[in-house]
């Protein structure tokens, strides 16, 4: 009899756990359905807009906060390359390496080192990392990739590219800037204007199919 009572208690406990698991699954499903129902994610709540402006002398620019290990950043990269080249507008790229990516911070430091050789070389490195991102799996794999990239451009990658930590500090400064602005994901992309006749002076590109339309609108609104 005691054995039957013990078995009943075990069965009741299992049923209770199963009920909790079913409830949790239902909650997750309803949350996913709600997100799907309401469509695209909301725009970033900007806390500090000071950095959301084009470089001096430019009417319109694209500003991006990116993570070199982020697959969605890699997906967006060809479109941003194409659009900024087509319209001949600045593309201001900020580092926002996410903590759970194991090589993105070091990749940003490498990119900054190539920037010291030339800005074009640094941006080409970023674009090449994005194009080859699936083949870079570990920090060691990143180092080998970077050494090959440097060699292909006739440059020797030093044992330590940042002995004083200056480049790492610049990456951290970009990340801190993103936090002040309110960045919560990568890539976060804006079309920004110099404010002349344009309202608002910055628009987040949530739907990338509208990037060209947003640039056209910004250029039209800032035309003298």
C-alpha atoms as a PDB file:
ATOM      1  CA  UNK A   1       0.000   0.000   0.000  1.00  0.00           C
ATOM      2  CA  UNK A   2       2.858   2.335   0.878  1.00  0.00           C
ATOM      3  CA  UNK A   3       4.431   1.462  -2.470  1.00  0.00           C
ATOM      4  CA  UNK A   4       1.259   2.450  -4.330  1.00  0.00           C
ATOM      5  CA  UNK A   5       1.112   5.730  -2.391  1.00  0.00           C
ATOM      6  CA  UNK A   6       4.737   6.500  -3.283  1.00  0.00           C
ATOM      7  CA  UNK A   7       4.059   5.735  -6.963  1.00  0.00           C
ATOM      8  CA  UNK A   8       1.023   8.015  -6.930  1.00  0.00           C
ATOM      9  CA  UNK A   9       3.076  10.872  -5.464  1.00  0.00           C
ATOM     10  CA  UNK A  10       5.767  10.443  -8.154  1.00  0.00           C
ATOM     11  CA  UNK A  11       3.143  10.404 -10.899  1.00  0.00           C
ATOM     12  CA  UNK A  12       1.488  13.539  -9.518  1.00  0.00           C
ATOM     13  CA  UNK A  13       4.856  15.314  -9.401  1.00  0.00           C
ATOM     14  CA  UNK A  14       5.573  14.385 -13.034  1.00  0.00           C
ATOM     15  CA  UNK A  15       2.145  15.592 -14.120  1.00  0.00           C
ATOM     16  CA  UNK A  16       2.739  18.893 -12.338  1.00  0.00           C
ATOM     17  CA  UNK A  17       6.100  19.370 -14.084  1.00  0.00           C
ATOM     18  CA  UNK A  18       4.538  18.481 -17.432  1.00  0.00           C
ATOM     19  CA  UNK A  19       1.785  21.019 -16.865  1.00  0.00           C
ATOM     20  CA  UNK A  20       4.384  23.729 -16.169  1.00  0.00           C
ATOM     21  CA  UNK A  21       6.320  22.823 -19.329  1.00  0.00           C
ATOM     22  CA  UNK A  22       3.131  22.977 -21.421  1.00  0.00           C
ATOM     23  CA  UNK A  23       2.257  26.367 -19.916  1.00  0.00           C
ATOM     24  CA  UNK A  24       5.758  27.702 -20.628  1.00  0.00           C
ATOM     25  CA  UNK A  25       5.637  26.457 -24.229  1.00  0.00           C
ATOM     26  CA  UNK A  26       2.231  28.077 -24.715  1.00  0.00           C
ATOM     27  CA  UNK A  27       3.591  31.369 -23.368  1.00  0.00           C
ATOM     28  CA  UNK A  28       6.562  31.267 -25.736  1.00  0.00           C
ATOM     29  CA  UNK A  29       4.301  30.455 -28.662  1.00  0.00           C
ATOM     30  CA  UNK A  30       1.909  33.278 -27.860  1.00  0.00           C
ATOM     31  CA  UNK A  31       4.844  35.714 -27.536  1.00  0.00           C
ATOM     32  CA  UNK A  32       6.232  34.630 -30.922  1.00  0.00           C
ATOM     33  CA  UNK A  33       2.782  34.952 -32.498  1.00  0.00           C
ATOM     34  CA  UNK A  34       2.365  38.415 -30.995  1.00  0.00           C
ATOM     35  CA  UNK A  35       5.715  39.523 -32.429  1.00  0.00           C
ATOM     36  CA  UNK A  36       4.790  38.123 -35.839  1.00  0.00           C
ATOM     37  CA  UNK A  37       1.384  39.769 -35.678  1.00  0.00           C
ATOM     38  CA  UNK A  38       2.792  43.215 -35.015  1.00  0.00           C
ATOM     39  CA  UNK A  39       5.452  42.916 -37.737  1.00  0.00           C
ATOM     40  CA  UNK A  40       8.883  44.595 -37.733  1.00  0.00           C
ATOM     41  CA  UNK A  41      10.678  45.500 -34.502  1.00  0.00           C
ATOM     42  CA  UNK A  42      10.264  49.080 -33.290  1.00  0.00           C
ATOM     43  CA  UNK A  43      12.906  51.654 -34.065  1.00  0.00           C
ATOM     44  CA  UNK A  44      15.675  52.285 -31.566  1.00  0.00           C
ATOM     45  CA  UNK A  45      14.753  54.678 -28.788  1.00  0.00           C
ATOM     46  CA  UNK A  46      17.459  57.309 -29.226  1.00  0.00           C
ATOM     47  CA  UNK A  47      18.653  58.765 -25.918  1.00  0.00           C
ATOM     48  CA  UNK A  48      21.589  60.817 -27.236  1.00  0.00           C
ATOM     49  CA  UNK A  49      21.289  61.933 -30.887  1.00  0.00           C
ATOM     50  CA  UNK A  50      24.481  64.010 -30.905  1.00  0.00           C
ATOM     51  CA  UNK A  51      26.428  61.468 -33.015  1.00  0.00           C
ATOM     52  CA  UNK A  52      23.632  60.959 -35.536  1.00  0.00           C
ATOM     53  CA  UNK A  53      24.764  63.503 -38.086  1.00  0.00           C
ATOM     54  CA  UNK A  54      26.858  63.304 -41.275  1.00  0.00           C
ATOM     55  CA  UNK A  55      30.553  64.216 -41.363  1.00  0.00           C
ATOM     56  CA  UNK A  56      31.370  67.887 -41.908  1.00  0.00           C
ATOM     57  CA  UNK A  57      30.596  68.987 -45.456  1.00  0.00           C
ATOM     58  CA  UNK A  58      28.160  66.147 -46.216  1.00  0.00           C
ATOM     59  CA  UNK A  59      24.417  66.628 -46.594  1.00  0.00           C
ATOM     60  CA  UNK A  60      23.498  62.973 -46.105  1.00  0.00           C
ATOM     61  CA  UNK A  61      25.277  59.898 -44.725  1.00  0.00           C
ATOM     62  CA  UNK A  62      24.631  56.356 -43.594  1.00  0.00           C
ATOM     63  CA  UNK A  63      25.605  55.565 -40.005  1.00  0.00           C
ATOM     64  CA  UNK A  64      25.912  51.952 -38.902  1.00  0.00           C
ATOM     65  CA  UNK A  65      26.734  50.209 -35.634  1.00  0.00           C
ATOM     66  CA  UNK A  66      28.045  46.770 -36.562  1.00  0.00           C
ATOM     67  CA  UNK A  67      29.482  43.558 -35.135  1.00  0.00           C
ATOM     68  CA  UNK A  68      31.859  41.736 -37.478  1.00  0.00           C
ATOM     69  CA  UNK A  69      30.657  38.336 -36.204  1.00  0.00           C
ATOM     70  CA  UNK A  70      26.955  39.206 -36.580  1.00  0.00           C
ATOM     71  CA  UNK A  71      25.273  37.239 -39.435  1.00  0.00           C
ATOM     72  CA  UNK A  72      22.661  39.950 -39.990  1.00  0.00           C
ATOM     73  CA  UNK A  73      25.418  42.552 -40.312  1.00  0.00           C
ATOM     74  CA  UNK A  74      27.009  40.334 -42.968  1.00  0.00           C
ATOM     75  CA  UNK A  75      23.656  40.127 -44.756  1.00  0.00           C
ATOM     76  CA  UNK A  76      23.238  43.921 -44.719  1.00  0.00           C
ATOM     77  CA  UNK A  77      26.809  44.719 -45.752  1.00  0.00           C
ATOM     78  CA  UNK A  78      26.512  44.274 -49.555  1.00  0.00           C
ATOM     79  CA  UNK A  79      23.441  46.528 -49.637  1.00  0.00           C
ATOM     80  CA  UNK A  80      25.206  49.270 -47.682  1.00  0.00           C
ATOM     81  CA  UNK A  81      28.283  48.992 -49.902  1.00  0.00           C
ATOM     82  CA  UNK A  82      26.139  49.282 -53.012  1.00  0.00           C
ATOM     83  CA  UNK A  83      23.948  52.149 -51.771  1.00  0.00           C
ATOM     84  CA  UNK A  84      26.748  54.365 -50.455  1.00  0.00           C
ATOM     85  CA  UNK A  85      28.750  53.840 -53.652  1.00  0.00           C
ATOM     86  CA  UNK A  86      25.737  54.571 -55.881  1.00  0.00           C
ATOM     87  CA  UNK A  87      24.865  57.818 -54.078  1.00  0.00           C
ATOM     88  CA  UNK A  88      28.494  58.714 -53.254  1.00  0.00           C
ATOM     89  CA  UNK A  89      27.636  59.489 -49.636  1.00  0.00           C
ATOM     90  CA  UNK A  90      29.687  58.790 -46.491  1.00  0.00           C
ATOM     91  CA  UNK A  91      29.247  55.508 -44.665  1.00  0.00           C
ATOM     92  CA  UNK A  92      30.174  55.991 -41.014  1.00  0.00           C
ATOM     93  CA  UNK A  93      30.858  52.598 -39.426  1.00  0.00           C
ATOM     94  CA  UNK A  94      30.931  52.196 -35.653  1.00  0.00           C
ATOM     95  CA  UNK A  95      32.016  49.103 -33.726  1.00  0.00           C
ATOM     96  CA  UNK A  96      29.469  47.445 -31.462  1.00  0.00           C
ATOM     97  CA  UNK A  97      30.913  43.966 -30.747  1.00  0.00           C
ATOM     98  CA  UNK A  98      28.368  41.902 -28.846  1.00  0.00           C
ATOM     99  CA  UNK A  99      29.721  40.219 -25.685  1.00  0.00           C
ATOM    100  CA  UNK A 100      28.505  36.723 -26.626  1.00  0.00           C
ATOM    101  CA  UNK A 101      30.495  36.674 -29.896  1.00  0.00           C
ATOM    102  CA  UNK A 102      33.905  35.173 -29.251  1.00  0.00           C
ATOM    103  CA  UNK A 103      36.000  36.911 -31.927  1.00  0.00           C
ATOM    104  CA  UNK A 104      34.141  40.074 -32.941  1.00  0.00           C
ATOM    105  CA  UNK A 105      36.012  42.380 -30.546  1.00  0.00           C
ATOM    106  CA  UNK A 106      39.415  41.212 -31.795  1.00  0.00           C
ATOM    107  CA  UNK A 107      38.199  41.562 -35.397  1.00  0.00           C
ATOM    108  CA  UNK A 108      37.264  45.188 -34.677  1.00  0.00           C
ATOM    109  CA  UNK A 109      40.775  45.771 -33.283  1.00  0.00           C
ATOM    110  CA  UNK A 110      42.320  44.222 -36.402  1.00  0.00           C
ATOM    111  CA  UNK A 111      40.125  46.457 -38.578  1.00  0.00           C
ATOM    112  CA  UNK A 112      41.333  49.504 -36.658  1.00  0.00           C
ATOM    113  CA  UNK A 113      44.933  48.402 -37.220  1.00  0.00           C
ATOM    114  CA  UNK A 114      44.337  48.198 -40.975  1.00  0.00           C
ATOM    115  CA  UNK A 115      42.737  51.673 -40.736  1.00  0.00           C
ATOM    116  CA  UNK A 116      46.136  52.949 -39.594  1.00  0.00           C
ATOM    117  CA  UNK A 117      47.533  51.807 -42.949  1.00  0.00           C
ATOM    118  CA  UNK A 118      44.640  53.344 -44.877  1.00  0.00           C
ATOM    119  CA  UNK A 119      40.913  53.791 -44.246  1.00  0.00           C
ATOM    120  CA  UNK A 120      40.206  51.991 -47.518  1.00  0.00           C
ATOM    121  CA  UNK A 121      42.249  48.992 -46.382  1.00  0.00           C
ATOM    122  CA  UNK A 122      40.415  48.888 -43.058  1.00  0.00           C
ATOM    123  CA  UNK A 123      36.989  49.018 -44.683  1.00  0.00           C
ATOM    124  CA  UNK A 124      38.029  46.397 -47.226  1.00  0.00           C
ATOM    125  CA  UNK A 125      39.066  44.154 -44.334  1.00  0.00           C
ATOM    126  CA  UNK A 126      35.641  44.601 -42.707  1.00  0.00           C
ATOM    127  CA  UNK A 127      33.883  43.799 -45.984  1.00  0.00           C
ATOM    128  CA  UNK A 128      36.091  40.745 -46.517  1.00  0.00           C
ATOM    129  CA  UNK A 129      35.403  39.471 -42.997  1.00  0.00           C
ATOM    130  CA  UNK A 130      31.670  39.764 -43.629  1.00  0.00           C
ATOM    131  CA  UNK A 131      31.974  37.966 -46.967  1.00  0.00           C
ATOM    132  CA  UNK A 132      33.906  35.111 -45.337  1.00  0.00           C
ATOM    133  CA  UNK A 133      32.222  35.143 -41.941  1.00  0.00           C
ATOM    134  CA  UNK A 134      30.900  31.524 -42.004  1.00  0.00           C
ATOM    135  CA  UNK A 135      34.446  30.167 -42.407  1.00  0.00           C
ATOM    136  CA  UNK A 136      35.754  32.014 -39.320  1.00  0.00           C
ATOM    137  CA  UNK A 137      34.748  29.935 -36.327  1.00  0.00           C
ATOM    138  CA  UNK A 138      37.250  30.734 -33.561  1.00  0.00           C
ATOM    139  CA  UNK A 139      39.608  33.504 -32.426  1.00  0.00           C
ATOM    140  CA  UNK A 140      42.476  31.395 -33.806  1.00  0.00           C
ATOM    141  CA  UNK A 141      40.661  31.092 -37.121  1.00  0.00           C
ATOM    142  CA  UNK A 142      40.245  34.872 -37.178  1.00  0.00           C
ATOM    143  CA  UNK A 143      43.980  35.387 -36.621  1.00  0.00           C
ATOM    144  CA  UNK A 144      44.840  33.008 -39.470  1.00  0.00           C
ATOM    145  CA  UNK A 145      42.299  34.738 -41.730  1.00  0.00           C
ATOM    146  CA  UNK A 146      43.748  38.148 -40.828  1.00  0.00           C
ATOM    147  CA  UNK A 147      47.322  37.028 -41.449  1.00  0.00           C
ATOM    148  CA  UNK A 148      46.287  35.754 -44.895  1.00  0.00           C
ATOM    149  CA  UNK A 149      44.482  39.017 -45.629  1.00  0.00           C
ATOM    150  CA  UNK A 150      47.518  41.084 -44.634  1.00  0.00           C
ATOM    151  CA  UNK A 151      49.847  38.906 -46.690  1.00  0.00           C
ATOM    152  CA  UNK A 152      47.594  39.207 -49.749  1.00  0.00           C
ATOM    153  CA  UNK A 153      47.991  42.986 -49.483  1.00  0.00           C
ATOM    154  CA  UNK A 154      51.754  42.858 -49.041  1.00  0.00           C
ATOM    155  CA  UNK A 155      51.657  43.641 -45.320  1.00  0.00           C
ATOM    156  CA  UNK A 156      53.179  41.713 -42.428  1.00  0.00           C
ATOM    157  CA  UNK A 157      50.812  41.385 -39.479  1.00  0.00           C
ATOM    158  CA  UNK A 158      52.815  42.048 -36.296  1.00  0.00           C
ATOM    159  CA  UNK A 159      52.690  39.655 -33.346  1.00  0.00           C
ATOM    160  CA  UNK A 160      50.827  42.334 -31.396  1.00  0.00           C
ATOM    161  CA  UNK A 161      48.808  44.840 -33.389  1.00  0.00           C
ATOM    162  CA  UNK A 162      47.835  46.855 -30.323  1.00  0.00           C
ATOM    163  CA  UNK A 163      50.618  46.727 -27.707  1.00  0.00           C
ATOM    164  CA  UNK A 164      49.447  49.900 -25.927  1.00  0.00           C
ATOM    165  CA  UNK A 165      45.732  49.002 -26.041  1.00  0.00           C
ATOM    166  CA  UNK A 166      44.887  52.186 -27.958  1.00  0.00           C
ATOM    167  CA  UNK A 167      42.901  50.423 -30.690  1.00  0.00           C
ATOM    168  CA  UNK A 168      40.973  48.373 -28.138  1.00  0.00           C
ATOM    169  CA  UNK A 169      40.144  51.618 -26.323  1.00  0.00           C
ATOM    170  CA  UNK A 170      38.753  53.063 -29.562  1.00  0.00           C
ATOM    171  CA  UNK A 171      36.533  50.010 -30.044  1.00  0.00           C
ATOM    172  CA  UNK A 172      35.304  50.309 -26.456  1.00  0.00           C
ATOM    173  CA  UNK A 173      34.632  54.020 -26.999  1.00  0.00           C
ATOM    174  CA  UNK A 174      32.442  53.182 -30.004  1.00  0.00           C
ATOM    175  CA  UNK A 175      30.574  50.594 -27.944  1.00  0.00           C
ATOM    176  CA  UNK A 176      30.038  53.141 -25.164  1.00  0.00           C
ATOM    177  CA  UNK A 177      28.770  55.641 -27.742  1.00  0.00           C
ATOM    178  CA  UNK A 178      26.280  53.049 -28.987  1.00  0.00           C
ATOM    179  CA  UNK A 179      25.084  52.478 -25.439  1.00  0.00           C
ATOM    180  CA  UNK A 180      24.589  56.220 -24.919  1.00  0.00           C
ATOM    181  CA  UNK A 181      22.567  56.412 -28.114  1.00  0.00           C
ATOM    182  CA  UNK A 182      20.464  53.404 -27.117  1.00  0.00           C
ATOM    183  CA  UNK A 183      21.719  50.631 -29.419  1.00  0.00           C
ATOM    184  CA  UNK A 184      20.195  47.242 -28.563  1.00  0.00           C
ATOM    185  CA  UNK A 185      21.047  45.144 -31.628  1.00  0.00           C
ATOM    186  CA  UNK A 186      23.294  44.931 -34.668  1.00  0.00           C
ATOM    187  CA  UNK A 187      23.227  46.127 -37.274  1.00  0.00           C
ATOM    188  CA  UNK A 188      21.562  49.406 -36.330  1.00  0.00           C
ATOM    189  CA  UNK A 189      21.495  51.670 -39.374  1.00  0.00           C
ATOM    190  CA  UNK A 190      20.408  55.268 -39.870  1.00  0.00           C
ATOM    191  CA  UNK A 191      20.163  57.630 -42.821  1.00  0.00           C
ATOM    192  CA  UNK A 192      21.203  60.981 -41.342  1.00  0.00           C
ATOM    193  CA  UNK A 193      21.144  64.529 -42.690  1.00  0.00           C
ATOM    194  CA  UNK A 194      22.798  67.828 -41.839  1.00  0.00           C
ATOM    195  CA  UNK A 195      19.425  69.099 -40.626  1.00  0.00           C
ATOM    196  CA  UNK A 196      18.947  71.621 -43.437  1.00  0.00           C
ATOM    197  CA  UNK A 197      15.241  71.448 -44.358  1.00  0.00           C
ATOM    198  CA  UNK A 198      15.065  67.802 -43.259  1.00  0.00           C
ATOM    199  CA  UNK A 199      12.764  66.604 -40.512  1.00  0.00           C
ATOM    200  CA  UNK A 200      13.655  64.455 -38.713  1.00  0.00           C
ATOM    201  CA  UNK A 201      17.438  64.724 -39.219  1.00  0.00           C
ATOM    202  CA  UNK A 202      17.882  60.943 -38.791  1.00  0.00           C
ATOM    203  CA  UNK A 203      15.748  57.946 -39.758  1.00  0.00           C
ATOM    204  CA  UNK A 204      16.493  54.378 -38.723  1.00  0.00           C
ATOM    205  CA  UNK A 205      16.526  51.825 -41.534  1.00  0.00           C
ATOM    206  CA  UNK A 206      14.318  49.120 -40.055  1.00  0.00           C
ATOM    207  CA  UNK A 207      13.078  47.852 -43.425  1.00  0.00           C
ATOM    208  CA  UNK A 208      16.192  47.613 -45.612  1.00  0.00           C
ATOM    209  CA  UNK A 209      14.133  47.398 -48.792  1.00  0.00           C
ATOM    210  CA  UNK A 210      13.410  51.112 -48.173  1.00  0.00           C
ATOM    211  CA  UNK A 211      17.077  52.158 -47.900  1.00  0.00           C
ATOM    212  CA  UNK A 212      17.246  53.719 -51.363  1.00  0.00           C
ATOM    213  CA  UNK A 213      13.919  55.471 -50.820  1.00  0.00           C
ATOM    214  CA  UNK A 214      15.127  56.942 -47.526  1.00  0.00           C
ATOM    215  CA  UNK A 215      18.369  58.180 -49.107  1.00  0.00           C
ATOM    216  CA  UNK A 216      16.451  59.716 -52.028  1.00  0.00           C
ATOM    217  CA  UNK A 217      14.153  61.488 -49.592  1.00  0.00           C
ATOM    218  CA  UNK A 218      17.045  62.767 -47.470  1.00  0.00           C
ATOM    219  CA  UNK A 219      18.894  64.103 -50.514  1.00  0.00           C
ATOM    220  CA  UNK A 220      15.737  65.810 -51.796  1.00  0.00           C
ATOM    221  CA  UNK A 221      15.009  67.425 -48.430  1.00  0.00           C
ATOM    222  CA  UNK A 222      18.536  68.799 -48.048  1.00  0.00           C
ATOM    223  CA  UNK A 223      18.872  70.076 -51.607  1.00  0.00           C
ATOM    224  CA  UNK A 224      19.557  73.815 -51.682  1.00  0.00           C
END
